[in-house]
Amino acid sequence: MQPFFKEFQRLLPRKVDVSKTIKNTSGKMLDAVVDSLFQFVDIPSLPSQKNFLPVEEIGELVEVTCTSGEIPADFAEGVFIRNGSNPLFGGLKSAVSIFGESHHTWVEGEGMLHALYFKRDDDRGSWVISYKNRYLETETFKIETKLNKPGFLPALAGDAPAIIAAFLLNSLRFGAVNKHMSNTNVFEHSGKVYTIAENYVPQEVDISTLETVCNWDVNGTWDRPFTSHPKKAPSSGELVVMGTDARKPYYVLGVISADGNKVHQVDLNLKRSVLSHDIGVTPQYNVIIDHPLIVDVKRLVMGGQLMKYVKEEYARIGVMPRYGDAESVKWFEVQTNCTFHILNCFEDDDQVIVRGCRALTSFLPGADGSRNPYEWFSKGFNFAGDHHDSAEVGYLFVHLYEWRLNMLSGEVEERKLTGSEYSLDFPFINEQFTGLKHKYGYTQVIDSRASSLCGMAKYGSLAKIYLEESNSTKFVEGRGGNLFPKVEYHKFEDNNFCSGSVFVPRNGGIKEDDGWIITFVHNEGTDVTQVHIIDAQDFEGETIAKLTMPQRVPYGFHGTFVSTPACQS
């Protein structure tokens, strides 16, 4: 056909672009096929899920006032910025067709940034605070906004034939299996700010306008997915990342130079595709989570789930020299678990210590086709009584956990750092201690009752965990006589829930916990969102400042605080 096509093109007038014409015609035909075979249906929401629903862009910067308390004089100038899922066209969708049904999960909404700007007015001796939100305008976002209707078929959860059809049709129509959400995290590297979700490369954003600038592929050298939780190596400033994929190579680790211009890449030669959400660092090592949340296209073709937590499979943690290769990784077999989030890692003599939020199943992708998704999540978040981690209820309970990996003997010591009173996730620390020994850790705390009623995770308080074993730290006795580190809780008022919590160090602070926790808090009774500032050294005390947002801010994922010097470098 190729010689015939070339001759046919030669005979046509020069101004006719045959390739473009055929592409446009086939694209219209595919659009017609999708429109005739597939129906997009809104996924219904409960009243208790209202603040998971999307909001509109607010437009220009809006000034915000401190409605309670006072912002500390030595608080940092900069931007508190959080990412989250904000679906286009009114909310998440199901696609119904002759192939069955596929549907979005909450992690699949388009990314929207919510930014609060802190600037000191030296003339008035006060703070000028303003708020702005904006969509991440990825390539796929632009495609759907141009269509002005849903275009991408959901391709993660649902009936296997429907997901296979979505894979094929999305690839043919748009050149991508799924949308590039960029909705999970925000990070800074070499003076630039990026957003990310792990199915694509990061997007650089202009921190002052929230405008999406471009994709970041490290000068064309990184051409695969990118972790939502890159980590800066202590001292060197290198950025340690990884990318997992459904096809080989399943896991590639990267070390990006401190200036962001080049990357060292290593294929770890994993035998399976795992959704590994986080990565750890120490001064010498990279720390790799290989847990059995497995993506398997063959299983999908056979009628099973594309992504599934396989509790019968193994889990292990890898420790790799910073610039090592696949053979240099020392693997430690651990009890089977799902660890989405690492709190921190550090070296202690011959051991590498890994601390993270550990569960015995995965909240992704949710229930299989035989279970009602709402019912599955509702039972999973029901932590009442002594049923944690059971097969019937409470299976989404998360402990803060510690693995002590002996680099000489290969032995592993495992222990829970928190008891069964509260489920803890979305951990964070003073980032100046990333990869180093630390005394404190912070998490958001799941409200069991509210989450079970809603069928989605809601965080009704914050926790501060005193991790260092010393005379100054009180240890408390848990069930079975276990000793756990002391935990303090900062509880919000009833029906108030937080998201995007981060630690902001005090200017000139010396102690690790000398600073503040800042977080978005939504009041479901009044439908008003505030930003709370909490003194980390008076954690259980009153919130020291509350700033009321000009509009509702939906619950979201991870955030960061970018100080003004970093913004301007």
Foldseek 3Di string as FASTA:
>chain_A
DVVVVVVVCVPDPPVDDVVVVVLVVVLVVLVVVCVVFKDKDADDADLLQVLLEADDWPPDKDWWDFPDFADDLQFFFFKWKAKFAHAPPTHWIWIQGPQGIFTDDSRAHAIKMKMKGWDADVVVRGITIIIGMDTQCDPVNVVCVVVVHDDQHHQAATWLSSNVVSQVSCCSNPVDSGDQRLGFEWDFAQLWIWGHDFFAAIFTAQRVGRHTDGGQCLQVPRGGGWAREWAQAPPQQWTWIWHADQDPVGIKIWTAHRNSRDIQIERLNDPFHAPARYWAYANFWIKDWDAQQGQHVVCSVVTWGRTFHDLVDWIWMWIATPNGYNVRIQIATDRHWDFRFWAAWADDVQKIKTKTKTFSGDPPPADHPVDDRLQRLLQCLQLPDDCDCHPGGNRVAIFTKMWIAGNPPRDIDIDTQDDSPWGWHPKYFLSSQHNHDDQKIKTFTWDSVSCSVRSHTFGFKMKIFGRDDDPVWDWDADPPRDTHTDMDIAGDPPQKTWEAKYWRARVVDDHRQRTWIWIWIARSVVRWIWIFIARSVPRNDDTNTIITDPHHNRHGHHIDTQGPVSNVD
